[in-house]
Amino acid sequence: AFNQTSDNWLKAQDLAVTFLDRYGTEVGRR
């Protein structure tokens, strides 16, 4: 269990990303 942790465990979580197309229009999120 403790091997799952690290010094940057909180920062290593997944991102929340909003994507825009080349014109600046939102096209999706991941």
Full PDB file with SEQRES, HELIX, SHEET, SSBOND, CRYST1, ORIGX, SCALE, CONECT and MASTER records, all heavy atoms in Angstrom:
SEQRES   1 A   30  ALA PHE ASN GLN THR SER ASP ASN TRP LEU LYS ALA GLN          
SEQRES   2 A   30  ASP LEU ALA VAL THR PHE LEU ASP ARG TYR GLY THR GLU          
SEQRES   3 A   30  VAL GLY ARG ARG                                              
HELIX    1 AA1 PHE A    2  GLN A    4  5                                   3    
SHEET    1 AA1 2 THR A  18  LEU A  20  0                                        
SHEET    2 AA1 2 GLU A  26  ARG A  29 -1                                        
CRYST1    1.000    1.000    1.000  90.00  90.00  90.00 P 1           1          
ORIGX1      1.000000  0.000000  0.000000        0.00000                         
ORIGX2      0.000000  1.000000  0.000000        0.00000                         
ORIGX3      0.000000  0.000000  1.000000        0.00000                         
SCALE1      1.000000  0.000000  0.000000        0.00000                         
SCALE2      0.000000  1.000000  0.000000        0.00000                         
SCALE3      0.000000  0.000000  1.000000        0.00000                         
ATOM      1  N   ALA A   1       0.825  -1.210   0.000  1.00  0.00           N  
ATOM      2  CA  ALA A   1       0.000   0.000   0.000  1.00  0.00           C  
ATOM      3  C   ALA A   1       0.855   1.255   0.000  1.00  0.00           C  
ATOM      4  O   ALA A   1       0.627   2.185  -0.776  1.00  0.00           O  
ATOM      5  CB  ALA A   1      -0.928  -0.013   1.213  1.00  0.00           C  
ATOM      6  N   PHE A   2       1.867   1.291   0.847  1.00  0.00           N  
ATOM      7  CA  PHE A   2       2.681   2.490   0.964  1.00  0.00           C  
ATOM      8  C   PHE A   2       3.550   2.721  -0.266  1.00  0.00           C  
ATOM      9  O   PHE A   2       3.986   3.845  -0.525  1.00  0.00           O  
ATOM     10  CB  PHE A   2       3.539   2.424   2.221  1.00  0.00           C  
ATOM     11  CG  PHE A   2       2.726   2.412   3.500  1.00  0.00           C  
ATOM     12  CD1 PHE A   2       3.213   1.836   4.659  1.00  0.00           C  
ATOM     13  CD2 PHE A   2       1.465   2.970   3.532  1.00  0.00           C  
ATOM     14  CE1 PHE A   2       2.467   1.830   5.831  1.00  0.00           C  
ATOM     15  CE2 PHE A   2       0.703   2.968   4.694  1.00  0.00           C  
ATOM     16  CZ  PHE A   2       1.202   2.394   5.847  1.00  0.00           C  
ATOM     17  N   ASN A   3       3.791   1.659  -1.034  1.00  0.00           N  
ATOM     18  CA  ASN A   3       4.531   1.830  -2.281  1.00  0.00           C  
ATOM     19  C   ASN A   3       3.723   2.605  -3.311  1.00  0.00           C  
ATOM     20  O   ASN A   3       4.280   3.088  -4.308  1.00  0.00           O  
ATOM     21  CB  ASN A   3       4.925   0.464  -2.865  1.00  0.00           C  
ATOM     22  CG  ASN A   3       6.056  -0.191  -2.095  1.00  0.00           C  
ATOM     23  OD1 ASN A   3       6.834   0.481  -1.402  1.00  0.00           O  
ATOM     24  ND2 ASN A   3       6.169  -1.499  -2.203  1.00  0.00           N  
ATOM     25  N   GLN A   4       2.396   2.705  -3.078  1.00  0.00           N  
ATOM     26  CA  GLN A   4       1.545   3.462  -3.995  1.00  0.00           C  
ATOM     27  C   GLN A   4       1.746   4.964  -3.833  1.00  0.00           C  
ATOM     28  O   GLN A   4       1.390   5.742  -4.717  1.00  0.00           O  
ATOM     29  CB  GLN A   4       0.062   3.140  -3.730  1.00  0.00           C  
ATOM     30  CG  GLN A   4      -0.298   1.671  -3.795  1.00  0.00           C  
ATOM     31  CD  GLN A   4      -0.365   1.152  -5.206  1.00  0.00           C  
ATOM     32  OE1 GLN A   4      -0.575   1.916  -6.139  1.00  0.00           O  
ATOM     33  NE2 GLN A   4      -0.176  -0.141  -5.370  1.00  0.00           N  
ATOM     34  N   THR A   5       2.308   5.367  -2.720  1.00  0.00           N  
ATOM     35  CA  THR A   5       2.457   6.792  -2.434  1.00  0.00           C  
ATOM     36  C   THR A   5       3.828   7.271  -2.880  1.00  0.00           C  
ATOM     37  O   THR A   5       4.754   6.504  -3.090  1.00  0.00           O  
ATOM     38  CB  THR A   5       2.290   7.065  -0.935  1.00  0.00           C  
ATOM     39  OG1 THR A   5       3.337   6.408  -0.213  1.00  0.00           O  
ATOM     40  CG2 THR A   5       0.951   6.539  -0.460  1.00  0.00           C  
ATOM     41  N   SER A   6       3.957   8.564  -3.016  1.00  0.00           N  
ATOM     42  CA  SER A   6       5.232   9.187  -3.366  1.00  0.00           C  
ATOM     43  C   SER A   6       5.212  10.612  -2.856  1.00  0.00           C  
ATOM     44  O   SER A   6       4.196  11.100  -2.359  1.00  0.00           O  
ATOM     45  CB  SER A   6       5.444   9.166  -4.880  1.00  0.00           C  
ATOM     46  OG  SER A   6       4.426   9.906  -5.529  1.00  0.00           O  
ATOM     47  N   ASP A   7       6.335  11.302  -3.004  1.00  0.00           N  
ATOM     48  CA  ASP A   7       6.410  12.673  -2.502  1.00  0.00           C  
ATOM     49  C   ASP A   7       5.451  13.607  -3.245  1.00  0.00           C  
ATOM     50  O   ASP A   7       5.003  14.605  -2.694  1.00  0.00           O  
ATOM     51  CB  ASP A   7       7.850  13.200  -2.630  1.00  0.00           C  
ATOM     52  CG  ASP A   7       8.805  12.484  -1.686  1.00  0.00           C  
ATOM     53  OD1 ASP A   7       8.320  11.916  -0.687  1.00  0.00           O  
ATOM     54  OD2 ASP A   7      10.019  12.486  -1.959  1.00  0.00           O  
ATOM     55  N   ASN A   8       5.159  13.301  -4.518  1.00  0.00           N  
ATOM     56  CA  ASN A   8       4.273  14.161  -5.300  1.00  0.00           C  
ATOM     57  C   ASN A   8       2.956  13.472  -5.640  1.00  0.00           C  
ATOM     58  O   ASN A   8       2.373  13.686  -6.692  1.00  0.00           O  
ATOM     59  CB  ASN A   8       4.979  14.598  -6.588  1.00  0.00           C  
ATOM     60  CG  ASN A   8       5.242  13.433  -7.510  1.00  0.00           C  
ATOM     61  OD1 ASN A   8       5.305  12.294  -7.054  1.00  0.00           O  
ATOM     62  ND2 ASN A   8       5.398  13.702  -8.791  1.00  0.00           N  
ATOM     63  N   TRP A   9       2.471  12.622  -4.711  1.00  0.00           N  
ATOM     64  CA  TRP A   9       1.278  11.826  -4.998  1.00  0.00           C  
ATOM     65  C   TRP A   9       0.067  12.677  -5.328  1.00  0.00           C  
ATOM     66  O   TRP A   9      -0.751  12.341  -6.169  1.00  0.00           O  
ATOM     67  CB  TRP A   9       0.961  10.908  -3.819  1.00  0.00           C  
ATOM     68  CG  TRP A   9       0.589  11.648  -2.569  1.00  0.00           C  
ATOM     69  CD1 TRP A   9       1.433  12.122  -1.621  1.00  0.00           C  
ATOM     70  CD2 TRP A   9      -0.732  11.999  -2.141  1.00  0.00           C  
ATOM     71  NE1 TRP A   9       0.735  12.744  -0.626  1.00  0.00           N  
ATOM     72  CE2 TRP A   9      -0.598  12.682  -0.912  1.00  0.00           C  
ATOM     73  CE3 TRP A   9      -1.992  11.798  -2.667  1.00  0.00           C  
ATOM     74  CZ2 TRP A   9      -1.680  13.178  -0.211  1.00  0.00           C  
ATOM     75  CZ3 TRP A   9      -3.086  12.296  -1.966  1.00  0.00           C  
ATOM     76  CH2 TRP A   9      -2.921  12.970  -0.753  1.00  0.00           C  
ATOM     77  N   LEU A  10      -0.055  13.837  -4.699  1.00  0.00           N  
ATOM     78  CA  LEU A  10      -1.231  14.662  -4.930  1.00  0.00           C  
ATOM     79  C   LEU A  10      -1.165  15.346  -6.289  1.00  0.00           C  
ATOM     80  O   LEU A  10      -2.148  15.448  -7.008  1.00  0.00           O  
ATOM     81  CB  LEU A  10      -1.356  15.708  -3.817  1.00  0.00           C  
ATOM     82  CG  LEU A  10      -2.649  16.522  -3.796  1.00  0.00           C  
ATOM     83  CD1 LEU A  10      -3.857  15.600  -3.745  1.00  0.00           C  
ATOM     84  CD2 LEU A  10      -2.653  17.481  -2.623  1.00  0.00           C  
ATOM     85  N   LYS A  11       0.042  15.779  -6.685  1.00  0.00           N  
ATOM     86  CA  LYS A  11       0.194  16.453  -7.969  1.00  0.00           C  
ATOM     87  C   LYS A  11       0.132  15.481  -9.141  1.00  0.00           C  
ATOM     88  O   LYS A  11      -0.046  15.883 -10.272  1.00  0.00           O  
ATOM     89  CB  LYS A  11       1.528  17.217  -8.007  1.00  0.00           C  
ATOM     90  CG  LYS A  11       1.591  18.368  -7.023  1.00  0.00           C  
ATOM     91  CD  LYS A  11       2.930  19.079  -7.115  1.00  0.00           C  
ATOM     92  CE  LYS A  11       3.010  20.225  -6.112  1.00  0.00           C  
ATOM     93  NZ  LYS A  11       4.320  20.909  -6.174  1.00  0.00           N  
ATOM     94  N   ALA A  12       0.334  14.206  -8.876  1.00  0.00           N  
ATOM     95  CA  ALA A  12       0.398  13.213  -9.948  1.00  0.00           C  
ATOM     96  C   ALA A  12      -0.969  12.749 -10.421  1.00  0.00           C  
ATOM     97  O   ALA A  12      -1.060  11.887 -11.266  1.00  0.00           O  
ATOM     98  CB  ALA A  12       1.215  12.009  -9.494  1.00  0.00           C  
ATOM     99  N   GLN A  13      -2.035  13.313  -9.866  1.00  0.00           N  
ATOM    100  CA  GLN A  13      -3.370  12.864 -10.257  1.00  0.00           C  
ATOM    101  C   GLN A  13      -3.690  13.346 -11.667  1.00  0.00           C  
ATOM    102  O   GLN A  13      -3.074  14.256 -12.205  1.00  0.00           O  
ATOM    103  CB  GLN A  13      -4.412  13.388  -9.265  1.00  0.00           C  
ATOM    104  CG  GLN A  13      -4.169  12.917  -7.847  1.00  0.00           C  
ATOM    105  CD  GLN A  13      -4.000  11.415  -7.739  1.00  0.00           C  
ATOM    106  OE1 GLN A  13      -4.811  10.684  -8.272  1.00  0.00           O  
ATOM    107  NE2 GLN A  13      -2.970  10.965  -7.073  1.00  0.00           N  
ATOM    108  N   ASP A  14      -4.702  12.732 -12.275  1.00  0.00           N  
ATOM    109  CA  ASP A  14      -5.043  13.024 -13.661  1.00  0.00           C  
ATOM    110  C   ASP A  14      -5.443  14.481 -13.844  1.00  0.00           C  
ATOM    111  O   ASP A  14      -5.896  15.161 -12.927  1.00  0.00           O  
ATOM    112  CB  ASP A  14      -6.190  12.125 -14.116  1.00  0.00           C  
ATOM    113  CG  ASP A  14      -5.730  10.704 -14.351  1.00  0.00           C  
ATOM    114  OD1 ASP A  14      -4.523  10.538 -14.549  1.00  0.00           O  
ATOM    115  OD2 ASP A  14      -6.569   9.797 -14.314  1.00  0.00           O  
ATOM    116  N   LEU A  15      -5.296  14.916 -15.096  1.00  0.00           N  
ATOM    117  CA  LEU A  15      -5.581  16.294 -15.459  1.00  0.00           C  
ATOM    118  C   LEU A  15      -7.051  16.464 -15.836  1.00  0.00           C  
ATOM    119  O   LEU A  15      -7.741  15.499 -16.163  1.00  0.00           O  
ATOM    120  CB  LEU A  15      -4.720  16.688 -16.650  1.00  0.00           C  
ATOM    121  CG  LEU A  15      -3.211  16.611 -16.459  1.00  0.00           C  
ATOM    122  CD1 LEU A  15      -2.528  16.601 -17.813  1.00  0.00           C  
ATOM    123  CD2 LEU A  15      -2.724  17.765 -15.627  1.00  0.00           C  
ATOM    124  N   ALA A  16      -7.503  17.693 -15.823  1.00  0.00           N  
ATOM    125  CA  ALA A  16      -8.801  18.063 -16.380  1.00  0.00           C  
ATOM    126  C   ALA A  16      -8.515  19.055 -17.499  1.00  0.00           C  
ATOM    127  O   ALA A  16      -8.052  20.156 -17.254  1.00  0.00           O  
ATOM    128  CB  ALA A  16      -9.687  18.693 -15.310  1.00  0.00           C  
ATOM    129  N   VAL A  17      -8.762  18.644 -18.750  1.00  0.00           N  
ATOM    130  CA  VAL A  17      -8.342  19.427 -19.903  1.00  0.00           C  
ATOM    131  C   VAL A  17      -9.536  19.750 -20.795  1.00  0.00           C  
ATOM    132  O   VAL A  17     -10.312  18.857 -21.154  1.00  0.00           O  
ATOM    133  CB  VAL A  17      -7.274  18.672 -20.728  1.00  0.00           C  
ATOM    134  CG1 VAL A  17      -6.774  19.549 -21.874  1.00  0.00           C  
ATOM    135  CG2 VAL A  17      -6.111  18.247 -19.841  1.00  0.00           C  
ATOM    136  N   THR A  18      -9.667  21.023 -21.131  1.00  0.00           N  
ATOM    137  CA  THR A  18     -10.650  21.475 -22.112  1.00  0.00           C  
ATOM    138  C   THR A  18      -9.919  21.792 -23.402  1.00  0.00           C  
ATOM    139  O   THR A  18      -8.946  22.546 -23.402  1.00  0.00           O  
ATOM    140  CB  THR A  18     -11.386  22.727 -21.616  1.00  0.00           C  
ATOM    141  OG1 THR A  18     -12.068  22.427 -20.392  1.00  0.00           O  
ATOM    142  CG2 THR A  18     -12.394  23.201 -22.651  1.00  0.00           C  
ATOM    143  N   PHE A  19     -10.382  21.213 -24.523  1.00  0.00           N  
ATOM    144  CA  PHE A  19      -9.715  21.406 -25.803  1.00  0.00           C  
ATOM    145  C   PHE A  19     -10.510  22.364 -26.683  1.00  0.00           C  
ATOM    146  O   PHE A  19     -11.737  22.279 -26.775  1.00  0.00           O  
ATOM    147  CB  PHE A  19      -9.556  20.064 -26.528  1.00  0.00           C  
ATOM    148  CG  PHE A  19      -8.530  19.160 -25.906  1.00  0.00           C  
ATOM    149  CD1 PHE A  19      -8.923  18.112 -25.090  1.00  0.00           C  
ATOM    150  CD2 PHE A  19      -7.171  19.367 -26.123  1.00  0.00           C  
ATOM    151  CE1 PHE A  19      -7.985  17.280 -24.514  1.00  0.00           C  
ATOM    152  CE2 PHE A  19      -6.224  18.540 -25.537  1.00  0.00           C  
ATOM    153  CZ  PHE A  19      -6.629  17.492 -24.728  1.00  0.00           C  
ATOM    154  N   LEU A  20      -9.771  23.252 -27.343  1.00  0.00           N  
ATOM    155  CA  LEU A  20     -10.339  24.187 -28.303  1.00  0.00           C  
ATOM    156  C   LEU A  20      -9.782  23.872 -29.681  1.00  0.00           C  
ATOM    157  O   LEU A  20      -8.654  23.380 -29.808  1.00  0.00           O  
ATOM    158  CB  LEU A  20      -9.991  25.630 -27.933  1.00  0.00           C  
ATOM    159  CG  LEU A  20     -10.185  26.059 -26.477  1.00  0.00           C  
ATOM    160  CD1 LEU A  20      -9.718  27.498 -26.295  1.00  0.00           C  
ATOM    161  CD2 LEU A  20     -11.636  25.909 -26.048  1.00  0.00           C  
ATOM    162  N   ASP A  21     -10.556  24.180 -30.719  1.00  0.00           N  
ATOM    163  CA  ASP A  21     -10.013  24.006 -32.065  1.00  0.00           C  
ATOM    164  C   ASP A  21      -9.170  25.221 -32.430  1.00  0.00           C  
ATOM    165  O   ASP A  21      -8.942  26.109 -31.605  1.00  0.00           O  
ATOM    166  CB  ASP A  21     -11.130  23.752 -33.073  1.00  0.00           C  
ATOM    167  CG  ASP A  21     -12.004  24.974 -33.328  1.00  0.00           C  
ATOM    168  OD1 ASP A  21     -11.731  26.050 -32.760  1.00  0.00           O  
ATOM    169  OD2 ASP A  21     -12.979  24.853 -34.090  1.00  0.00           O  
ATOM    170  N   ARG A  22      -8.685  25.264 -33.650  1.00  0.00           N  
ATOM    171  CA  ARG A  22      -7.763  26.333 -34.053  1.00  0.00           C  
ATOM    172  C   ARG A  22      -8.420  27.709 -34.034  1.00  0.00           C  
ATOM    173  O   ARG A  22      -7.723  28.731 -34.031  1.00  0.00           O  
ATOM    174  CB  ARG A  22      -7.184  26.037 -35.434  1.00  0.00           C  
ATOM    175  CG  ARG A  22      -8.206  25.964 -36.537  1.00  0.00           C  
ATOM    176  CD  ARG A  22      -7.605  25.322 -37.798  1.00  0.00           C  
ATOM    177  NE  ARG A  22      -6.412  26.033 -38.225  1.00  0.00           N  
ATOM    178  CZ  ARG A  22      -6.413  26.967 -39.165  1.00  0.00           C  
ATOM    179  NH1 ARG A  22      -7.554  27.321 -39.749  1.00  0.00           N  
ATOM    180  NH2 ARG A  22      -5.301  27.551 -39.528  1.00  0.00           N  
ATOM    181  N   TYR A  23      -9.766  27.752 -34.016  1.00  0.00           N  
ATOM    182  CA  TYR A  23     -10.471  29.028 -33.953  1.00  0.00           C  
ATOM    183  C   TYR A  23     -10.853  29.421 -32.534  1.00  0.00           C  
ATOM    184  O   TYR A  23     -11.471  30.459 -32.316  1.00  0.00           O  
ATOM    185  CB  TYR A  23     -11.735  28.966 -34.822  1.00  0.00           C  
ATOM    186  CG  TYR A  23     -11.461  28.673 -36.271  1.00  0.00           C  
ATOM    187  CD1 TYR A  23     -11.862  27.471 -36.838  1.00  0.00           C  
ATOM    188  CD2 TYR A  23     -10.789  29.583 -37.069  1.00  0.00           C  
ATOM    189  CE1 TYR A  23     -11.610  27.192 -38.169  1.00  0.00           C  
ATOM    190  CE2 TYR A  23     -10.527  29.320 -38.401  1.00  0.00           C  
ATOM    191  CZ  TYR A  23     -10.933  28.117 -38.946  1.00  0.00           C  
ATOM    192  OH  TYR A  23     -10.666  27.843 -40.262  1.00  0.00           O  
ATOM    193  N   GLY A  24     -10.542  28.578 -31.549  1.00  0.00           N  
ATOM    194  CA  GLY A  24     -10.866  28.891 -30.167  1.00  0.00           C  
ATOM    195  C   GLY A  24     -12.202  28.374 -29.705  1.00  0.00           C  
ATOM    196  O   GLY A  24     -12.662  28.717 -28.604  1.00  0.00           O  
ATOM    197  N   THR A  25     -12.859  27.535 -30.506  1.00  0.00           N  
ATOM    198  CA  THR A  25     -14.148  26.967 -30.135  1.00  0.00           C  
ATOM    199  C   THR A  25     -13.945  25.660 -29.375  1.00  0.00           C  
ATOM    200  O   THR A  25     -13.151  24.815 -29.798  1.00  0.00           O  
ATOM    201  CB  THR A  25     -15.001  26.689 -31.387  1.00  0.00           C  
ATOM    202  OG1 THR A  25     -15.161  27.912 -32.119  1.00  0.00           O  
ATOM    203  CG2 THR A  25     -16.365  26.135 -31.004  1.00  0.00           C  
ATOM    204  N   GLU A  26     -14.643  25.483 -28.272  1.00  0.00           N  
ATOM    205  CA  GLU A  26     -14.494  24.247 -27.501  1.00  0.00           C  
ATOM    206  C   GLU A  26     -14.969  23.053 -28.316  1.00  0.00           C  
ATOM    207  O   GLU A  26     -16.055  23.057 -28.879  1.00  0.00           O  
ATOM    208  CB  GLU A  26     -15.290  24.328 -26.203  1.00  0.00           C  
ATOM    209  CG  GLU A  26     -15.135  23.086 -25.326  1.00  0.00           C  
ATOM    210  CD  GLU A  26     -15.886  23.177 -24.015  1.00  0.00           C  
ATOM    211  OE1 GLU A  26     -15.995  24.294 -23.459  1.00  0.00           O  
ATOM    212  OE2 GLU A  26     -16.371  22.127 -23.544  1.00  0.00           O  
ATOM    213  N   VAL A  27     -14.123  22.000 -28.354  1.00  0.00           N  
ATOM    214  CA  VAL A  27     -14.457  20.812 -29.129  1.00  0.00           C  
ATOM    215  C   VAL A  27     -14.523  19.556 -28.276  1.00  0.00           C  
ATOM    216  O   VAL A  27     -14.914  18.498 -28.765  1.00  0.00           O  
ATOM    217  CB  VAL A  27     -13.439  20.597 -30.270  1.00  0.00           C  
ATOM    218  CG1 VAL A  27     -13.579  21.669 -31.320  1.00  0.00           C  
ATOM    219  CG2 VAL A  27     -12.020  20.541 -29.734  1.00  0.00           C  
ATOM    220  N   GLY A  28     -14.158  19.629 -27.026  1.00  0.00           N  
ATOM    221  CA  GLY A  28     -14.230  18.443 -26.186  1.00  0.00           C  
ATOM    222  C   GLY A  28     -13.396  18.577 -24.938  1.00  0.00           C  
ATOM    223  O   GLY A  28     -12.632  19.535 -24.766  1.00  0.00           O  
ATOM    224  N   ARG A  29     -13.568  17.609 -24.055  1.00  0.00           N  
ATOM    225  CA  ARG A  29     -12.826  17.575 -22.799  1.00  0.00           C  
ATOM    226  C   ARG A  29     -12.291  16.173 -22.571  1.00  0.00           C  
ATOM    227  O   ARG A  29     -12.870  15.189 -23.033  1.00  0.00           O  
ATOM    228  CB  ARG A  29     -13.713  17.991 -21.626  1.00  0.00           C  
ATOM    229  CG  ARG A  29     -14.230  19.419 -21.735  1.00  0.00           C  
ATOM    230  CD  ARG A  29     -14.951  19.844 -20.475  1.00  0.00           C  
ATOM    231  NE  ARG A  29     -15.404  21.221 -20.563  1.00  0.00           N  
ATOM    232  CZ  ARG A  29     -15.897  21.901 -19.539  1.00  0.00           C  
ATOM    233  NH1 ARG A  29     -16.018  21.321 -18.354  1.00  0.00           N  
ATOM    234  NH2 ARG A  29     -16.294  23.139 -19.691  1.00  0.00           N  
ATOM    235  N   ARG A  30     -11.193  16.115 -21.869  1.00  0.00           N  
ATOM    236  CA  ARG A  30     -10.611  14.839 -21.506  1.00  0.00           C  
ATOM    237  C   ARG A  30     -10.053  14.953 -20.093  1.00  0.00           C  
ATOM    238  O   ARG A  30      -9.880  16.038 -19.559  1.00  0.00           O  
ATOM    239  CB  ARG A  30      -9.488  14.439 -22.469  1.00  0.00           C  
ATOM    240  CG  ARG A  30      -9.959  14.001 -23.848  1.00  0.00           C  
ATOM    241  CD  ARG A  30     -10.766  12.725 -23.766  1.00  0.00           C  
ATOM    242  NE  ARG A  30     -11.119  12.204 -25.077  1.00  0.00           N  
ATOM    243  CZ  ARG A  30     -12.177  12.540 -25.762  1.00  0.00           C  
ATOM    244  NH1 ARG A  30     -13.006  13.447 -25.271  1.00  0.00           N  
ATOM    245  NH2 ARG A  30     -12.442  11.983 -26.929  1.00  0.00           N  
TER     246      ARG A  30                                                      
MASTER        0    0    0    1    2    0    0    6  245    1    0    3          
END                                                                             
